[in-house]
Protein backbone atom coordinates (compact mmCIF):
# COMPACT_ATOMS: atom_id res chain seq x y z
CA UNK A 1 -28.43 27.03 75.14
CA UNK A 2 -27.77 28.55 71.72
CA UNK A 3 -24.11 27.48 71.76
CA UNK A 4 -25.02 23.89 72.66
CA UNK A 5 -27.63 23.87 69.91
CA UNK A 6 -25.10 25.09 67.35
CA UNK A 7 -22.61 22.45 68.51
CA UNK A 8 -25.28 19.78 68.05
CA UNK A 9 -26.10 21.07 64.57
CA UNK A 10 -22.42 21.04 63.53
CA UNK A 11 -21.99 17.55 64.99
CA UNK A 12 -25.16 16.40 63.21
CA UNK A 13 -23.95 17.80 59.89
CA UNK A 14 -20.62 16.02 60.26
CA UNK A 15 -22.29 12.73 61.19
CA UNK A 16 -24.73 13.05 58.29
CA UNK A 17 -21.94 13.85 55.82
CA UNK A 18 -19.75 10.93 56.87
CA UNK A 19 -22.68 8.51 57.09
CA UNK A 20 -23.95 9.80 53.74
CA UNK A 21 -20.59 8.93 52.23
CA UNK A 22 -20.83 5.42 53.70
CA UNK A 23 -24.37 5.02 52.34
CA UNK A 24 -23.23 6.21 48.89
CA UNK A 25 -20.30 3.82 48.96
CA UNK A 26 -22.40 0.84 50.06
CA UNK A 27 -25.04 1.64 47.43
CA UNK A 28 -22.41 0.83 44.79
CA UNK A 29 -21.21 -2.39 46.47
CA UNK A 30 -22.48 -5.51 44.78
CA UNK A 31 -22.25 -7.66 47.89
CA UNK A 32 -24.10 -5.39 50.30
CA UNK A 33 -26.14 -2.96 48.25
CA UNK A 34 -27.77 -1.39 51.30
CA UNK A 35 -29.37 -3.12 54.26
CA UNK A 36 -28.32 -2.83 57.88
CA UNK A 37 -25.26 -0.58 57.40
CA UNK A 38 -27.44 2.07 55.76
CA UNK A 39 -30.77 1.77 57.57
CA UNK A 40 -29.59 3.90 60.48
CA UNK A 41 -29.01 6.83 58.10
CA UNK A 42 -32.62 8.11 58.18
CA UNK A 43 -33.20 7.00 61.79
CA UNK A 44 -30.21 8.30 63.77
CA UNK A 45 -28.63 11.05 61.65
CA UNK A 46 -31.56 13.50 62.04
CA UNK A 47 -31.49 13.31 65.87
CA UNK A 48 -28.63 15.76 66.62
CA UNK A 49 -29.81 18.07 63.84
CA UNK A 50 -33.36 18.17 65.21
CA UNK A 51 -32.21 18.60 68.80
CA UNK A 52 -29.79 21.38 67.87
CA UNK A 53 -32.33 23.22 65.73
CA UNK A 54 -34.96 22.86 68.45
CA UNK A 55 -32.59 24.26 71.08
CA UNK A 56 -31.63 27.22 68.90
CA UNK A 57 -35.27 28.01 68.11
CA UNK A 58 -36.24 27.68 71.77
CA UNK A 59 -33.37 29.93 72.91
CA UNK A 60 -34.57 32.66 70.57
CA UNK A 61 -38.26 32.21 71.38
CA UNK A 62 -39.06 30.77 67.97
CA UNK A 63 -40.54 27.40 68.93
CA UNK A 64 -44.06 27.74 67.49
CA UNK A 65 -45.72 24.67 69.07
CA UNK A 66 -45.15 21.78 71.43
CA UNK A 67 -43.40 18.96 69.61
CA UNK A 68 -41.66 21.28 67.17
CA UNK A 69 -38.42 19.31 67.60
CA UNK A 70 -40.21 16.08 66.70
CA UNK A 71 -41.66 17.75 63.59
CA UNK A 72 -38.14 18.78 62.56
CA UNK A 73 -36.94 15.21 63.20
CA UNK A 74 -39.78 13.71 61.14
CA UNK A 75 -39.09 16.08 58.24
CA UNK A 76 -35.37 15.33 58.31
CA UNK A 77 -36.05 11.58 58.56
CA UNK A 78 -38.14 11.79 55.39
CA UNK A 79 -35.35 13.70 53.62
CA UNK A 80 -32.68 11.23 54.76
CA UNK A 81 -34.96 8.32 53.78
CA UNK A 82 -35.32 9.83 50.32
CA UNK A 83 -31.53 10.17 50.07
CA UNK A 84 -31.17 6.52 51.09
CA UNK A 85 -33.58 5.49 48.32
CA UNK A 86 -31.92 7.82 45.80
CA UNK A 87 -28.41 6.56 46.53
CA UNK A 88 -29.60 2.96 46.18
CA UNK A 89 -31.35 3.80 42.91
CA UNK A 90 -28.29 5.60 41.52
CA UNK A 91 -26.01 2.75 42.63
CA UNK A 92 -28.01 0.07 40.80
CA UNK A 93 -26.23 0.45 37.41
CA UNK A 94 -22.82 0.07 39.06
CA UNK A 95 -23.98 -3.03 40.98
CA UNK A 96 -25.34 -4.55 37.76
CA UNK A 97 -22.11 -3.75 35.90
CA UNK A 98 -20.06 -5.45 38.61
CA UNK A 99 -22.38 -8.48 38.59
CA UNK A 100 -22.10 -8.76 34.80
CA UNK A 101 -18.28 -8.62 35.02
CA UNK A 102 -18.30 -11.38 37.65
CA UNK A 103 -20.58 -13.54 35.47
CA UNK A 104 -18.36 -13.01 32.42
CA UNK A 105 -15.27 -13.89 34.41
CA UNK A 106 -16.94 -17.04 35.76
CA UNK A 107 -18.08 -18.11 32.28
CA UNK A 108 -14.55 -17.63 30.88
CA UNK A 109 -13.14 -19.70 33.73
CA UNK A 110 -15.63 -22.55 33.10
CA UNK A 111 -15.04 -22.78 29.34
CA UNK A 112 -12.77 -25.65 28.30
CA UNK A 113 -9.55 -24.67 26.53
CA UNK A 114 -9.62 -25.64 22.86
């Protein structure tokens, strides 16, 4: 049970790292800027981490109360939700810079040649 829990934790860390990179990348994209591609980050990424941690704690007799795995999941979901908000907040200046560049390019294109 411990080995399966550790495998789940490693898998969860890999999923969270790769999905975190996608969320960071999308947070800087002017056309998406979040939404559906990033909403699953705080919902699904904590699941293998919570299951793995719960299995490891249970295998070593360290599960303090019923629903301990759900408490771990809820805590991780809050952390991942905060990261989702933070990445979106940090990506805002880049999105605004890209939007300003597009507006400047469009205004140059619409000006008549003198």
